[in-house]
Protein backbone atom coordinates (compact mmCIF):
# COMPACT_ATOMS: atom_id res chain seq x y z
CA MET A 1 -5.07 -2.37 16.44
CA VAL A 2 -3.10 -1.75 13.31
CA ALA A 3 -5.13 -2.06 10.00
CA ALA A 4 -3.75 -1.29 6.39
CA VAL A 5 -5.18 0.49 3.35
CA VAL A 6 -4.18 -1.08 -0.03
CA LEU A 7 -4.41 1.74 -2.69
CA ALA A 8 -5.55 0.41 -5.77
CA ALA A 9 -7.73 3.22 -7.33
CA GLY A 10 -5.45 4.63 -10.11
CA ALA A 11 -6.08 3.98 -14.05
CA SER A 12 -3.31 2.18 -14.76
CA THR A 13 -2.58 4.49 -18.16
CA ARG A 14 1.20 3.68 -18.20
CA PHE A 15 0.24 -0.27 -18.04
CA GLY A 16 -2.47 0.06 -20.22
CA ALA A 17 -5.01 -2.43 -18.57
CA PRO A 18 -6.20 -2.77 -14.92
CA LYS A 19 -2.55 -4.02 -13.34
CA GLN A 20 -4.54 -3.95 -10.05
CA ARG A 21 -6.49 -7.02 -11.13
CA LEU A 22 -3.25 -8.92 -11.36
CA LEU A 23 -1.16 -7.70 -8.43
CA ALA A 24 -3.64 -6.48 -5.44
CA GLU A 25 -4.72 -9.90 -4.34
CA GLU A 26 -1.10 -10.54 -3.91
CA VAL A 27 -0.53 -7.66 -1.83
CA VAL A 28 -3.56 -8.42 0.43
CA ALA A 29 -1.89 -11.96 0.91
CA ARG A 30 1.34 -10.28 2.17
CA LEU A 31 -0.31 -8.19 4.43
CA ARG A 32 -2.70 -10.94 6.12
CA ALA A 33 0.75 -12.42 6.68
CA ALA A 34 2.07 -9.56 8.82
CA PRO A 35 0.81 -10.90 12.56
CA SER A 36 0.36 -6.78 13.54
CA VAL A 37 -2.17 -6.36 10.80
CA GLY A 38 -5.97 -6.45 11.63
CA GLU A 39 -8.52 -5.14 9.16
CA ILE A 40 -7.68 -4.54 5.39
CA VAL A 41 -9.38 -2.01 3.29
CA VAL A 42 -8.44 -1.93 -0.70
CA VAL A 43 -9.26 1.59 -2.13
CA LEU A 44 -10.86 1.32 -5.43
CA GLY A 45 -11.62 3.95 -8.14
CA ALA A 46 -10.94 3.58 -11.81
CA HIS A 47 -11.27 -0.21 -11.87
CA ASP A 48 -13.11 -2.88 -10.02
CA VAL A 49 -11.13 -5.33 -8.15
CA ALA A 50 -11.35 -8.49 -6.32
CA THR A 51 -8.96 -9.47 -3.72
CA GLY A 52 -11.24 -10.86 -0.83
CA ALA A 53 -10.69 -7.89 1.27
CA HIS A 54 -13.21 -5.30 2.36
CA ALA A 55 -13.01 -2.69 -0.70
CA VAL A 56 -14.40 0.83 -0.75
CA ARG A 57 -14.73 2.70 -3.98
CA CYS A 58 -12.82 6.42 -3.28
CA ALA A 59 -15.41 9.01 -5.49
CA ASP A 60 -12.77 11.37 -5.61
CA TRP A 61 -9.79 9.08 -6.68
CA GLU A 62 -8.74 11.06 -9.79
CA ARG A 63 -7.75 14.16 -7.27
CA GLY A 64 -4.88 12.09 -6.50
CA PRO A 65 -3.00 9.49 -4.16
CA GLY A 66 -4.14 11.08 -0.79
CA ALA A 67 -7.75 11.55 -1.79
CA SER A 68 -7.97 7.75 -2.21
CA LEU A 69 -5.77 7.39 1.17
CA ARG A 70 -8.18 9.41 2.85
CA CYS A 71 -11.13 7.12 1.61
CA GLY A 72 -9.09 4.03 2.99
CA LEU A 73 -8.35 5.68 6.47
CA ALA A 74 -12.25 6.71 6.73
CA ALA A 75 -13.27 3.18 6.15
CA LEU A 76 -11.32 1.92 8.98
CA PRO A 77 -12.85 0.61 12.30
CA ALA A 78 -12.40 3.22 15.02
CA ALA A 79 -10.10 0.50 17.15
CA ALA A 80 -7.61 1.35 14.47
CA GLU A 81 -4.82 3.21 15.96
CA ALA A 82 -2.58 3.34 12.84
CA ALA A 83 -2.73 1.91 9.29
CA VAL A 84 -0.14 0.38 7.05
CA VAL A 85 -0.33 1.66 3.54
CA ALA A 86 0.57 -0.32 0.77
CA LEU A 87 0.42 0.18 -2.97
CA ALA A 88 -1.39 -2.30 -4.93
CA ASP A 89 1.23 -2.27 -7.61
CA GLY A 90 4.04 -3.71 -5.07
CA PRO A 91 3.75 -7.38 -5.42
CA ASP A 92 6.67 -8.25 -3.73
CA LEU A 93 5.62 -6.20 -0.36
CA SER A 94 7.44 -7.99 2.61
CA PRO A 95 5.49 -9.03 5.73
CA GLU A 96 8.33 -8.38 7.69
CA ALA A 97 8.69 -4.93 6.47
CA VAL A 98 5.17 -4.39 7.66
CA GLU A 99 6.23 -5.61 11.10
CA ARG A 100 9.27 -3.51 11.15
CA LEU A 101 7.31 -0.47 11.02
CA VAL A 102 4.83 -1.38 13.37
CA GLY A 103 7.28 -2.45 15.67
CA ALA A 104 9.28 0.80 15.15
CA TRP A 105 5.78 3.04 15.60
CA ARG A 106 4.99 1.03 18.87
CA ARG A 107 8.63 1.72 20.47
CA GLY A 108 7.54 5.51 19.79
CA VAL A 109 9.99 6.36 16.83
CA GLY A 110 7.44 8.43 14.98
CA ASP A 111 3.93 8.90 13.81
CA LEU A 112 4.68 8.85 10.06
CA LEU A 113 7.22 5.90 8.93
CA ALA A 114 8.21 4.55 5.73
CA ALA A 115 10.58 1.67 4.71
CA SER A 116 14.03 2.15 3.24
CA TYR A 117 15.67 0.28 0.74
CA ASP A 118 19.53 1.64 -0.02
CA GLY A 119 18.77 4.68 2.17
CA VAL A 120 15.83 5.63 -0.40
CA ARG A 121 12.20 5.79 1.13
CA GLY A 122 9.83 3.24 -0.10
CA HIS A 123 6.49 1.27 0.82
CA PRO A 124 4.92 0.48 2.90
CA PHE A 125 4.59 3.18 5.19
CA LEU A 126 2.61 3.56 8.76
CA LEU A 127 0.49 6.86 9.45
CA ALA A 128 -0.41 6.88 13.28
CA ARG A 129 -4.21 7.93 13.69
CA SER A 130 -2.89 11.17 14.98
CA ALA A 131 -1.72 12.11 11.22
CA TRP A 132 -4.90 10.94 9.33
CA ASP A 133 -6.36 14.34 9.17
CA ASP A 134 -3.48 16.06 7.60
CA VAL A 135 -3.41 13.90 4.28
CA PRO A 136 -2.84 16.21 1.22
CA ASP A 137 -4.04 15.38 -1.89
CA GLU A 138 -0.59 14.30 -3.76
CA GLY A 139 -0.40 11.80 -1.03
CA MET A 140 2.49 11.34 1.75
CA ARG A 141 5.15 12.05 -0.71
CA ALA A 142 4.73 15.76 0.47
CA ARG A 143 5.56 14.88 4.28
CA ASP A 144 8.83 13.71 5.91
CA PRO A 145 8.84 10.49 7.59
CA VAL A 146 11.01 8.34 9.78
CA LEU A 147 12.93 6.00 7.88
CA VAL A 148 12.91 2.49 8.68
CA PRO A 149 15.87 0.66 6.81
CA CYS A 150 14.56 -2.76 5.24
CA ASP A 151 17.44 -3.46 2.99
CA ASP A 152 17.69 -6.99 3.49
CA LEU A 153 13.79 -7.92 2.77
CA GLY A 154 13.93 -6.70 -0.68
CA ALA A 155 11.84 -3.71 -2.13
CA PRO A 156 7.94 -4.43 -2.69
CA GLY A 157 8.11 -3.68 -6.46
CA ASP A 158 6.72 -0.96 -8.42
CA VAL A 159 4.67 -2.03 -11.55
CA ASP A 160 4.15 0.90 -13.80
CA ARG A 161 4.63 -0.74 -17.13
CA PRO A 162 4.05 -4.46 -18.43
CA GLU A 163 7.91 -4.98 -18.42
CA ASP A 164 8.07 -4.20 -14.68
CA LEU A 165 5.73 -7.32 -13.91
CA PRO A 166 7.33 -10.37 -12.34
CA GLN A 167 7.91 -13.24 -14.16
CA ARG A 168 5.05 -15.22 -11.76
CA PHE A 169 2.33 -12.75 -13.29
CA ARG A 170 2.95 -13.55 -17.01
CA ASN A 171 1.83 -16.56 -19.19
CA ARG A 172 4.25 -18.63 -21.28
CA ARG A 173 4.43 -16.15 -23.78
CA GLY A 174 5.70 -13.45 -21.32
CA GLU A 175 2.39 -11.40 -21.64
CA PRO A 176 0.31 -10.22 -18.54
CA ARG A 177 -2.28 -13.10 -17.20
């Protein structure tokens, strides 16, 4: 079984408001649209976020994304053999990118895989259970994954500031909803 972890613990300081409240539900919906994904866990920290998925609070979220990831992985069922990891601020996540990662992992390509766009590492990424015990505080950026090209699917987005917010999340005045 493949599970998913959505990292939604950050303080959203560059955005100026809890962006996860706008975006995380969309990310969860896109993960649910990926047939290979079973259980989904959303990791919370600075803000409460309602997504309809199982949520866990990470007391150590300020230590970095790795701490949040460890909290999410620990909350997954024992039957999970791998975890797809997505960011709550990537609302254009393609379910097909998730399926490509899972397919590559099932073919034995590697234990740490990441989607790539125009040759650049992106999200989501996948960790086989064998890699769960070695997650540094700075997250998996410190590790070199096998890249799985997803150029044709479009990047998931990276909403750091209000101007990065896709139009569908804005009101008529162009402000975040």
